[in-house]
């Protein structure tokens, strides 16, 4: 397993830094391959911390997100600088976003990466299943932390990011007039963010159903 972790970390570092060789030939790393390896060997945040840190950077890079790590040391600043200096890239595609979301859901690097911008990006590409998988992954980790009485990344009165991500997904469903979906998500994640949107989701779903019948 350790060997696989090292291979995954190196592949993601190559993806992050967009390294080139002496002939200026780009080194392409397919995140879908990385995700398949991670799934096959059950690699996630429970393994070496470096896997989560490197995955967080790779996901941010893949989705063209601002390079903000929630916590961690300065050992990854070199990768961050490369990402910030990256030249203008092609617009994102559904395939790229889908692959990055799958990697995030598998690794669950939520100690170093906020799920909120991932949900927002997924919703903007109509990748609702991907957005839901991010919420499921993030809230599962939150529930485990609460069961183990471990402090979460967010302390005090601040709302856990995973709960905010669930609310963000439900609100995005409202905006897209996907009321049945909003109802389903609010019900599924009732105890981790869905409760605050549950009544509205039920009402909107019922109203839209009645309107269709009439």
Protein backbone atom coordinates (compact mmCIF):
# COMPACT_ATOMS: atom_id res chain seq x y z
CA UNK A 1 0.00 0.00 0.00
CA UNK A 2 2.82 2.41 0.85
CA UNK A 3 4.29 1.91 -2.61
CA UNK A 4 0.93 2.75 -4.20
CA UNK A 5 0.65 5.87 -2.03
CA UNK A 6 4.08 7.01 -3.19
CA UNK A 7 3.19 6.38 -6.83
CA UNK A 8 -0.08 8.31 -6.49
CA UNK A 9 1.66 11.24 -4.79
CA UNK A 10 4.29 11.41 -7.50
CA UNK A 11 1.69 11.28 -10.28
CA UNK A 12 -0.29 14.07 -8.65
CA UNK A 13 2.84 16.17 -8.13
CA UNK A 14 3.63 15.80 -11.82
CA UNK A 15 0.09 16.87 -12.63
CA UNK A 16 0.35 19.86 -10.28
CA UNK A 17 3.66 21.18 -11.54
CA UNK A 18 3.15 20.48 -15.27
CA UNK A 19 6.78 19.46 -15.51
CA UNK A 20 8.52 19.37 -18.87
CA UNK A 21 11.64 17.61 -19.96
CA UNK A 22 14.67 19.03 -21.75
CA UNK A 23 12.89 18.77 -25.11
CA UNK A 24 9.99 20.82 -23.74
CA UNK A 25 7.66 17.88 -24.14
CA UNK A 26 4.81 18.17 -21.69
CA UNK A 27 4.27 15.40 -19.19
CA UNK A 28 0.59 14.46 -19.16
CA UNK A 29 -0.92 12.78 -16.12
CA UNK A 30 -4.49 11.53 -16.37
CA UNK A 31 -6.30 12.08 -13.07
CA UNK A 32 -8.77 9.37 -14.06
CA UNK A 33 -5.94 6.83 -13.84
CA UNK A 34 -4.97 8.24 -10.45
CA UNK A 35 -8.57 7.94 -9.25
CA UNK A 36 -8.86 4.35 -10.49
CA UNK A 37 -5.65 3.41 -8.64
CA UNK A 38 -6.87 5.10 -5.46
CA UNK A 39 -10.18 3.23 -5.64
CA UNK A 40 -8.57 -0.11 -6.43
CA UNK A 41 -6.27 0.09 -3.41
CA UNK A 42 -8.72 1.98 -1.16
CA UNK A 43 -6.40 4.96 -0.76
CA UNK A 44 -7.99 7.90 1.05
CA UNK A 45 -7.45 10.43 3.85
CA UNK A 46 -6.96 7.58 6.34
CA UNK A 47 -3.62 6.83 4.71
CA UNK A 48 -0.51 9.02 4.66
CA UNK A 49 -1.30 12.72 5.13
CA UNK A 50 0.83 13.56 2.11
CA UNK A 51 -1.74 11.83 -0.11
CA UNK A 52 -4.49 14.20 1.04
CA UNK A 53 -2.28 17.28 0.76
CA UNK A 54 -1.10 16.44 -2.74
CA UNK A 55 -4.60 15.45 -3.86
CA UNK A 56 -6.00 18.76 -2.58
CA UNK A 57 -3.51 20.65 -4.73
CA UNK A 58 -4.17 18.45 -7.77
CA UNK A 59 -7.93 18.95 -7.48
CA UNK A 60 -7.57 22.72 -7.10
CA UNK A 61 -5.26 22.81 -10.10
CA UNK A 62 -7.57 20.63 -12.20
CA UNK A 63 -10.59 22.83 -11.46
CA UNK A 64 -8.73 26.14 -11.88
CA UNK A 65 -9.57 27.10 -8.31
CA UNK A 66 -7.70 29.58 -6.13
CA UNK A 67 -4.82 27.85 -4.39
CA UNK A 68 -5.98 27.94 -0.78
CA UNK A 69 -5.18 25.12 1.60
CA UNK A 70 -7.19 25.15 4.82
CA UNK A 71 -4.28 23.89 6.88
CA UNK A 72 -0.88 22.33 6.44
CA UNK A 73 2.77 23.24 6.45
CA UNK A 74 4.92 25.27 4.07
CA UNK A 75 6.48 22.24 2.42
CA UNK A 76 4.03 22.51 -0.47
CA UNK A 77 4.57 26.18 -1.24
CA UNK A 78 6.81 25.23 -4.15
CA UNK A 79 3.90 23.43 -5.79
CA UNK A 80 1.55 26.29 -4.94
CA UNK A 81 3.82 28.81 -6.62
CA UNK A 82 3.97 26.74 -9.79
CA UNK A 83 0.19 26.58 -9.84
CA UNK A 84 -0.18 30.33 -9.34
CA UNK A 85 2.29 31.03 -12.12
CA UNK A 86 0.52 28.72 -14.56
CA UNK A 87 -0.14 30.27 -17.95
CA UNK A 88 -3.65 30.73 -19.26
CA UNK A 89 -5.25 27.37 -19.85
CA UNK A 90 -8.12 26.01 -21.88
CA UNK A 91 -11.63 26.30 -20.41
CA UNK A 92 -12.76 23.44 -18.22
CA UNK A 93 -14.75 20.59 -19.72
CA UNK A 94 -17.36 18.36 -18.10
CA UNK A 95 -14.94 15.44 -18.30
CA UNK A 96 -12.18 17.30 -16.46
CA UNK A 97 -14.53 18.44 -13.73
CA UNK A 98 -16.07 14.98 -13.38
CA UNK A 99 -12.67 13.32 -12.96
CA UNK A 100 -11.51 15.87 -10.38
CA UNK A 101 -14.73 15.42 -8.40
CA UNK A 102 -14.30 11.64 -8.43
CA UNK A 103 -10.76 11.97 -7.08
CA UNK A 104 -11.93 14.35 -4.35
CA UNK A 105 -14.75 12.03 -3.30
CA UNK A 106 -12.34 9.08 -3.09
CA UNK A 107 -9.44 10.73 -1.27
CA UNK A 108 -11.61 13.05 0.88
CA UNK A 109 -8.85 15.61 1.53
CA UNK A 110 -11.21 17.88 3.44
CA UNK A 111 -8.65 18.75 6.08
CA UNK A 112 -6.81 20.65 3.34
CA UNK A 113 -9.54 21.52 0.86
CA UNK A 114 -12.98 23.10 1.16
CA UNK A 115 -15.77 21.10 -0.51
CA UNK A 116 -17.81 24.26 -1.15
CA UNK A 117 -16.10 25.48 -4.38
CA UNK A 118 -16.18 21.90 -5.68
CA UNK A 119 -19.94 21.75 -5.19
CA UNK A 120 -20.33 25.15 -6.85
CA UNK A 121 -18.22 24.07 -9.82
CA UNK A 122 -20.09 20.78 -10.16
CA UNK A 123 -23.45 22.57 -10.12
CA UNK A 124 -22.31 25.05 -12.77
CA UNK A 125 -21.56 22.08 -15.06
CA UNK A 126 -24.82 20.29 -14.15
CA UNK A 127 -22.81 17.49 -12.58
CA UNK A 128 -25.30 16.98 -9.78
CA UNK A 129 -24.28 13.43 -8.96
CA UNK A 130 -20.68 14.59 -8.62
CA UNK A 131 -21.74 17.42 -6.32
CA UNK A 132 -23.74 14.99 -4.20
CA UNK A 133 -20.76 12.63 -3.96
CA UNK A 134 -18.64 15.50 -2.65
CA UNK A 135 -21.23 16.27 0.03
CA UNK A 136 -21.47 12.60 0.96
CA UNK A 137 -17.70 12.30 1.29
CA UNK A 138 -17.29 15.51 3.29
CA UNK A 139 -20.19 14.88 5.68
CA UNK A 140 -19.09 11.28 6.25
CA UNK A 141 -15.72 12.54 7.40
CA UNK A 142 -17.39 15.14 9.63
CA UNK A 143 -19.59 12.50 11.27
CA UNK A 144 -16.57 10.29 11.92
CA UNK A 145 -14.76 13.19 13.54
CA UNK A 146 -17.76 13.91 15.73
CA UNK A 147 -18.07 10.26 16.75
CA UNK A 148 -14.39 10.15 17.65
CA UNK A 149 -14.70 13.46 19.51
CA UNK A 150 -11.92 14.91 17.38
CA UNK A 151 -11.86 18.66 16.68
CA UNK A 152 -12.84 19.54 13.15
CA UNK A 153 -11.03 21.98 10.92
CA UNK A 154 -13.60 24.57 11.94
CA UNK A 155 -13.83 25.52 15.60
CA UNK A 156 -16.01 27.65 17.83
CA UNK A 157 -19.19 28.99 16.32
CA UNK A 158 -18.07 28.56 12.72
CA UNK A 159 -20.19 26.15 10.70
CA UNK A 160 -18.35 23.08 9.36
CA UNK A 161 -17.58 23.50 5.67
CA UNK A 162 -19.20 20.16 4.83
CA UNK A 163 -22.54 21.41 6.17
CA UNK A 164 -22.21 24.64 4.20
CA UNK A 165 -21.46 22.53 1.12
CA UNK A 166 -24.74 20.63 1.57
CA UNK A 167 -26.67 23.89 1.89
CA UNK A 168 -24.88 25.21 -1.20
CA UNK A 169 -25.95 22.15 -3.21
CA UNK A 170 -29.58 22.45 -2.10
CA UNK A 171 -29.63 26.17 -2.92
CA UNK A 172 -28.12 25.46 -6.34
CA UNK A 173 -30.89 22.93 -6.93
CA UNK A 174 -33.47 25.57 -6.01
CA UNK A 175 -31.86 28.02 -8.43
CA UNK A 176 -32.01 25.40 -11.19
CA UNK A 177 -35.66 24.68 -10.29
CA UNK A 178 -34.78 21.08 -9.54
CA UNK A 179 -37.17 20.89 -6.62
CA UNK A 180 -37.42 17.12 -6.47
CA UNK A 181 -33.65 16.92 -6.32
CA UNK A 182 -33.52 19.59 -3.61
CA UNK A 183 -36.05 17.60 -1.59
CA UNK A 184 -34.07 14.39 -2.02
CA UNK A 185 -30.80 15.99 -0.96
CA UNK A 186 -32.35 17.82 2.00
CA UNK A 187 -33.80 14.51 3.18
CA UNK A 188 -30.62 12.52 2.63
CA UNK A 189 -28.43 15.04 4.44
CA UNK A 190 -31.06 16.10 6.98
CA UNK A 191 -28.73 15.88 10.00
CA UNK A 192 -25.76 17.49 8.25
CA UNK A 193 -27.14 20.62 6.65
CA UNK A 194 -30.39 19.50 5.08
CA UNK A 195 -32.60 20.37 8.04
CA UNK A 196 -32.39 24.12 7.41
CA UNK A 197 -33.69 23.66 3.86
CA UNK A 198 -35.98 20.69 4.43
CA UNK A 199 -39.35 22.45 4.78
CA UNK A 200 -38.74 24.71 1.79
CA UNK A 201 -37.58 21.75 -0.30
CA UNK A 202 -40.65 19.68 0.61
CA UNK A 203 -42.98 22.57 -0.16
CA UNK A 204 -41.34 23.47 -3.48
CA UNK A 205 -41.32 19.82 -4.55
CA UNK A 206 -45.00 19.39 -3.68
CA UNK A 207 -45.95 22.64 -5.38
CA UNK A 208 -44.08 21.77 -8.58
CA UNK A 209 -45.70 18.33 -8.63
CA UNK A 210 -49.18 19.84 -8.26
CA UNK A 211 -48.45 22.40 -11.00
CA UNK A 212 -47.49 19.59 -13.38
CA UNK A 213 -50.69 17.70 -12.65
CA UNK A 214 -52.84 20.78 -13.12
